[in-house]
Amino acid sequence: MHPREFIEKNITQLLQKDGYVGVALSEGVKASLRYFDNQPVFRPGKCFDDCLAVGKREAKSYKRLMDQQLKKAEQDAKAAAKQKQPVRGRNERLRPAAC
């Protein structure tokens, strides 16, 4: 197995175990592989650890971004639902329903 394949496979497993899914997972793995490809020298015995740290950092930032977007979408949905309800002014009388 090529070192790049080893890093991709094992970092994917570890990030999944930590609860990262979807875009956060894939971006974390991509960041790890970019780091592996672009780093000219690693500390002895720390190649995988360094790649994992970079992948976790990237996955965490994407997860935070996705959580913020989800929260904003929920707030926008609540605001839209609230605007659909009729708002009565102070001088407006309640009218009985037509029979």
N, C-alpha and C. Protein backbone atom coordinates (compact mmCIF):
# COMPACT_ATOMS: atom_id res chain seq x y z
N MET A 1 0.85 -1.17 0.00
CA MET A 1 0.00 0.00 0.00
C MET A 1 0.90 1.24 0.00
N HIS A 2 0.58 2.16 -0.85
CA HIS A 2 1.32 3.41 -0.96
C HIS A 2 1.03 4.27 0.28
N PRO A 3 2.01 5.05 0.74
CA PRO A 3 1.78 5.88 1.94
C PRO A 3 0.59 6.82 1.81
N ARG A 4 0.37 7.33 0.61
CA ARG A 4 -0.78 8.23 0.39
C ARG A 4 -2.10 7.49 0.61
N GLU A 5 -2.20 6.26 0.12
CA GLU A 5 -3.40 5.46 0.33
C GLU A 5 -3.59 5.12 1.80
N PHE A 6 -2.49 4.81 2.48
CA PHE A 6 -2.55 4.51 3.91
C PHE A 6 -3.09 5.71 4.69
N ILE A 7 -2.57 6.88 4.39
CA ILE A 7 -3.01 8.09 5.08
C ILE A 7 -4.49 8.36 4.81
N GLU A 8 -4.89 8.24 3.55
CA GLU A 8 -6.28 8.51 3.19
C GLU A 8 -7.23 7.54 3.91
N LYS A 9 -6.91 6.27 3.88
CA LYS A 9 -7.78 5.25 4.47
C LYS A 9 -7.90 5.43 5.99
N ASN A 10 -6.76 5.57 6.65
CA ASN A 10 -6.78 5.62 8.11
C ASN A 10 -7.29 6.94 8.66
N ILE A 11 -7.02 8.04 7.98
CA ILE A 11 -7.55 9.31 8.45
C ILE A 11 -9.06 9.35 8.25
N THR A 12 -9.54 8.78 7.16
CA THR A 12 -10.98 8.69 6.95
C THR A 12 -11.64 7.92 8.09
N GLN A 13 -11.06 6.79 8.47
CA GLN A 13 -11.62 5.99 9.56
C GLN A 13 -11.62 6.75 10.88
N LEU A 14 -10.51 7.42 11.17
CA LEU A 14 -10.42 8.14 12.45
C LEU A 14 -11.36 9.34 12.50
N LEU A 15 -11.51 10.06 11.40
CA LEU A 15 -12.43 11.19 11.38
C LEU A 15 -13.88 10.72 11.49
N GLN A 16 -14.20 9.59 10.85
CA GLN A 16 -15.55 9.04 10.98
C GLN A 16 -15.82 8.63 12.42
N LYS A 17 -14.83 8.06 13.06
CA LYS A 17 -14.97 7.66 14.46
C LYS A 17 -15.21 8.88 15.36
N ASP A 18 -14.61 10.02 14.99
CA ASP A 18 -14.79 11.25 15.76
C ASP A 18 -16.12 11.94 15.46
N GLY A 19 -16.87 11.43 14.49
CA GLY A 19 -18.20 11.97 14.22
C GLY A 19 -18.29 12.92 13.05
N TYR A 20 -17.27 13.03 12.26
CA TYR A 20 -17.31 13.91 11.09
C TYR A 20 -17.92 13.16 9.91
N VAL A 21 -18.81 13.83 9.18
CA VAL A 21 -19.46 13.21 8.02
C VAL A 21 -19.52 14.22 6.87
N GLY A 22 -19.79 13.72 5.70
CA GLY A 22 -20.04 14.57 4.54
C GLY A 22 -18.87 15.44 4.14
N VAL A 23 -19.16 16.71 3.96
CA VAL A 23 -18.17 17.66 3.47
C VAL A 23 -17.03 17.82 4.47
N ALA A 24 -17.34 17.84 5.75
CA ALA A 24 -16.30 17.99 6.77
C ALA A 24 -15.30 16.84 6.69
N LEU A 25 -15.79 15.64 6.51
CA LEU A 25 -14.93 14.46 6.41
C LEU A 25 -14.06 14.53 5.16
N SER A 26 -14.67 14.79 4.02
CA SER A 26 -13.90 14.80 2.77
C SER A 26 -12.88 15.94 2.74
N GLU A 27 -13.24 17.10 3.26
CA GLU A 27 -12.30 18.22 3.28
C GLU A 27 -11.16 17.97 4.26
N GLY A 28 -11.43 17.29 5.36
CA GLY A 28 -10.37 16.93 6.29
C GLY A 28 -9.37 15.98 5.66
N VAL A 29 -9.87 15.00 4.92
CA VAL A 29 -8.98 14.04 4.26
C VAL A 29 -8.18 14.74 3.15
N LYS A 30 -8.84 15.62 2.38
CA LYS A 30 -8.13 16.36 1.34
C LYS A 30 -7.01 17.21 1.92
N ALA A 31 -7.30 17.87 3.04
CA ALA A 31 -6.29 18.72 3.67
C ALA A 31 -5.10 17.89 4.13
N SER A 32 -5.38 16.71 4.67
CA SER A 32 -4.29 15.82 5.11
C SER A 32 -3.42 15.40 3.94
N LEU A 33 -4.05 15.05 2.84
CA LEU A 33 -3.29 14.62 1.66
C LEU A 33 -2.50 15.78 1.04
N ARG A 34 -3.09 16.98 1.03
CA ARG A 34 -2.36 18.15 0.54
C ARG A 34 -1.13 18.41 1.41
N TYR A 35 -1.31 18.30 2.70
CA TYR A 35 -0.19 18.50 3.63
C TYR A 35 0.89 17.47 3.38
N PHE A 36 0.49 16.21 3.19
CA PHE A 36 1.44 15.13 2.92
C PHE A 36 2.21 15.39 1.62
N ASP A 37 1.50 15.84 0.60
CA ASP A 37 2.13 16.08 -0.70
C ASP A 37 3.06 17.30 -0.68
N ASN A 38 2.70 18.32 0.07
CA ASN A 38 3.44 19.58 0.02
C ASN A 38 4.54 19.70 1.08
N GLN A 39 4.51 18.87 2.09
CA GLN A 39 5.52 18.95 3.14
C GLN A 39 6.79 18.23 2.69
N PRO A 40 7.91 18.93 2.61
CA PRO A 40 9.12 18.27 2.11
C PRO A 40 9.74 17.29 3.10
N VAL A 41 9.66 17.59 4.40
CA VAL A 41 10.29 16.74 5.40
C VAL A 41 9.37 16.66 6.61
N PHE A 42 9.31 15.47 7.19
CA PHE A 42 8.52 15.27 8.40
C PHE A 42 9.46 14.95 9.56
N ARG A 43 8.99 15.24 10.76
CA ARG A 43 9.76 14.84 11.93
C ARG A 43 9.78 13.31 11.98
N PRO A 44 10.83 12.73 12.48
CA PRO A 44 10.92 11.26 12.50
C PRO A 44 9.74 10.62 13.25
N GLY A 45 9.01 9.78 12.54
CA GLY A 45 7.89 9.05 13.14
C GLY A 45 6.63 9.87 13.34
N LYS A 46 6.56 11.08 12.82
CA LYS A 46 5.42 11.94 13.07
C LYS A 46 4.63 12.29 11.80
N CYS A 47 4.90 11.64 10.72
CA CYS A 47 4.22 11.95 9.45
C CYS A 47 2.71 11.78 9.59
N PHE A 48 2.27 10.63 10.06
CA PHE A 48 0.84 10.36 10.17
C PHE A 48 0.19 11.28 11.20
N ASP A 49 0.88 11.50 12.32
CA ASP A 49 0.32 12.36 13.37
C ASP A 49 0.12 13.80 12.87
N ASP A 50 1.09 14.30 12.11
CA ASP A 50 0.97 15.65 11.57
C ASP A 50 -0.18 15.74 10.57
N CYS A 51 -0.28 14.74 9.70
CA CYS A 51 -1.37 14.73 8.71
C CYS A 51 -2.73 14.63 9.40
N LEU A 52 -2.81 13.84 10.44
CA LEU A 52 -4.07 13.70 11.18
C LEU A 52 -4.45 15.01 11.86
N ALA A 53 -3.49 15.70 12.44
CA ALA A 53 -3.77 16.97 13.09
C ALA A 53 -4.30 18.00 12.09
N VAL A 54 -3.71 18.05 10.91
CA VAL A 54 -4.17 18.97 9.87
C VAL A 54 -5.59 18.59 9.42
N GLY A 55 -5.84 17.30 9.24
CA GLY A 55 -7.16 16.84 8.82
C GLY A 55 -8.23 17.15 9.86
N LYS A 56 -7.93 16.94 11.12
CA LYS A 56 -8.90 17.23 12.18
C LYS A 56 -9.20 18.72 12.25
N ARG A 57 -8.17 19.54 12.12
CA ARG A 57 -8.36 20.99 12.18
C ARG A 57 -9.27 21.45 11.04
N GLU A 58 -9.03 20.94 9.84
CA GLU A 58 -9.84 21.32 8.69
C GLU A 58 -11.27 20.80 8.83
N ALA A 59 -11.42 19.56 9.26
CA ALA A 59 -12.76 18.98 9.42
C ALA A 59 -13.54 19.74 10.49
N LYS A 60 -12.88 20.14 11.54
CA LYS A 60 -13.55 20.88 12.62
C LYS A 60 -14.05 22.23 12.11
N SER A 61 -13.24 22.91 11.31
CA SER A 61 -13.67 24.21 10.79
C SER A 61 -14.85 24.06 9.83
N TYR A 62 -14.84 23.03 8.99
CA TYR A 62 -15.96 22.81 8.08
C TYR A 62 -17.21 22.40 8.84
N LYS A 63 -17.06 21.61 9.89
CA LYS A 63 -18.22 21.21 10.68
C LYS A 63 -18.84 22.44 11.36
N ARG A 64 -17.99 23.32 11.87
CA ARG A 64 -18.48 24.54 12.50
C ARG A 64 -19.22 25.40 11.48
N LEU A 65 -18.67 25.51 10.28
CA LEU A 65 -19.31 26.28 9.22
C LEU A 65 -20.66 25.69 8.84
N MET A 66 -20.73 24.37 8.71
CA MET A 66 -21.99 23.71 8.37
C MET A 66 -23.02 23.90 9.48
N ASP A 67 -22.59 23.82 10.74
CA ASP A 67 -23.50 24.03 11.86
C ASP A 67 -24.06 25.45 11.87
N GLN A 68 -23.21 26.43 11.56
CA GLN A 68 -23.66 27.82 11.50
C GLN A 68 -24.67 28.01 10.38
N GLN A 69 -24.42 27.41 9.23
CA GLN A 69 -25.34 27.53 8.11
C GLN A 69 -26.68 26.88 8.43
N LEU A 70 -26.65 25.74 9.10
CA LEU A 70 -27.89 25.06 9.49
C LEU A 70 -28.67 25.90 10.49
N LYS A 71 -27.98 26.47 11.45
CA LYS A 71 -28.65 27.31 12.46
C LYS A 71 -29.28 28.53 11.80
N LYS A 72 -28.57 29.14 10.85
CA LYS A 72 -29.11 30.31 10.15
C LYS A 72 -30.33 29.93 9.32
N ALA A 73 -30.28 28.77 8.68
CA ALA A 73 -31.43 28.32 7.88
C ALA A 73 -32.65 28.08 8.77
N GLU A 74 -32.43 27.53 9.96
CA GLU A 74 -33.54 27.32 10.89
C GLU A 74 -34.12 28.65 11.35
N GLN A 75 -33.26 29.62 11.62
CA GLN A 75 -33.73 30.94 12.04
C GLN A 75 -34.50 31.62 10.92
N ASP A 76 -34.02 31.49 9.69
CA ASP A 76 -34.72 32.08 8.55
C ASP A 76 -36.08 31.42 8.35
N ALA A 77 -36.15 30.11 8.56
CA ALA A 77 -37.43 29.41 8.42
C ALA A 77 -38.42 29.88 9.50
N LYS A 78 -37.93 30.06 10.72
CA LYS A 78 -38.80 30.55 11.79
C LYS A 78 -39.29 31.96 11.49
N ALA A 79 -38.40 32.81 10.98
CA ALA A 79 -38.78 34.18 10.66
C ALA A 79 -39.80 34.20 9.53
N ALA A 80 -39.63 33.35 8.54
CA ALA A 80 -40.58 33.29 7.43
C ALA A 80 -41.95 32.80 7.92
N ALA A 81 -41.95 31.82 8.81
CA ALA A 81 -43.22 31.31 9.35
C ALA A 81 -43.90 32.37 10.20
N LYS A 82 -43.12 33.14 10.89
CA LYS A 82 -43.67 34.19 11.75
C LYS A 82 -44.29 35.30 10.91
N GLN A 83 -43.70 35.61 9.77
CA GLN A 83 -44.22 36.67 8.91
C GLN A 83 -45.53 36.27 8.24
N LYS A 84 -45.80 35.00 8.10
CA LYS A 84 -47.03 34.55 7.46
C LYS A 84 -48.23 34.73 8.36
N GLN A 85 -48.02 34.81 9.67
CA GLN A 85 -49.13 35.02 10.60
C GLN A 85 -49.58 36.47 10.52
N PRO A 86 -50.89 36.69 10.53
CA PRO A 86 -51.38 38.07 10.45
C PRO A 86 -51.01 38.84 11.71
N VAL A 87 -50.59 40.05 11.50
CA VAL A 87 -50.23 40.92 12.62
C VAL A 87 -51.32 41.98 12.73
N ARG A 88 -51.87 42.09 13.92
CA ARG A 88 -52.96 43.05 14.13
C ARG A 88 -52.39 44.31 14.76
N GLY A 89 -52.88 45.43 14.27
CA GLY A 89 -52.49 46.72 14.83
C GLY A 89 -53.27 47.01 16.10
N ARG A 90 -52.92 48.09 16.77
CA ARG A 90 -53.60 48.41 18.02
C ARG A 90 -55.05 48.82 17.79
N ASN A 91 -55.34 49.50 16.70
CA ASN A 91 -56.69 50.01 16.45
C ASN A 91 -57.55 49.05 15.65
N GLU A 92 -57.04 47.91 15.33
CA GLU A 92 -57.78 46.97 14.49
C GLU A 92 -58.61 46.06 15.39
N ARG A 93 -59.92 45.96 15.06
CA ARG A 93 -60.82 45.12 15.86
C ARG A 93 -60.82 43.70 15.29
N LEU A 94 -61.05 42.77 16.19
CA LEU A 94 -61.20 41.38 15.75
C LEU A 94 -62.57 41.21 15.14
N ARG A 95 -62.63 40.65 13.98
CA ARG A 95 -63.90 40.43 13.31
C ARG A 95 -64.31 38.99 13.46
N PRO A 96 -65.58 38.74 13.66
CA PRO A 96 -66.02 37.34 13.76
C PRO A 96 -65.91 36.67 12.40
N ALA A 97 -65.70 35.38 12.43
CA ALA A 97 -65.59 34.61 11.19
C ALA A 97 -66.90 34.60 10.45
N ALA A 98 -66.84 34.70 9.14
CA ALA A 98 -68.03 34.70 8.32
C ALA A 98 -68.63 33.30 8.31
N CYS A 99 -69.98 33.26 8.41
CA CYS A 99 -70.67 31.96 8.41
C CYS A 99 -71.20 31.63 7.06
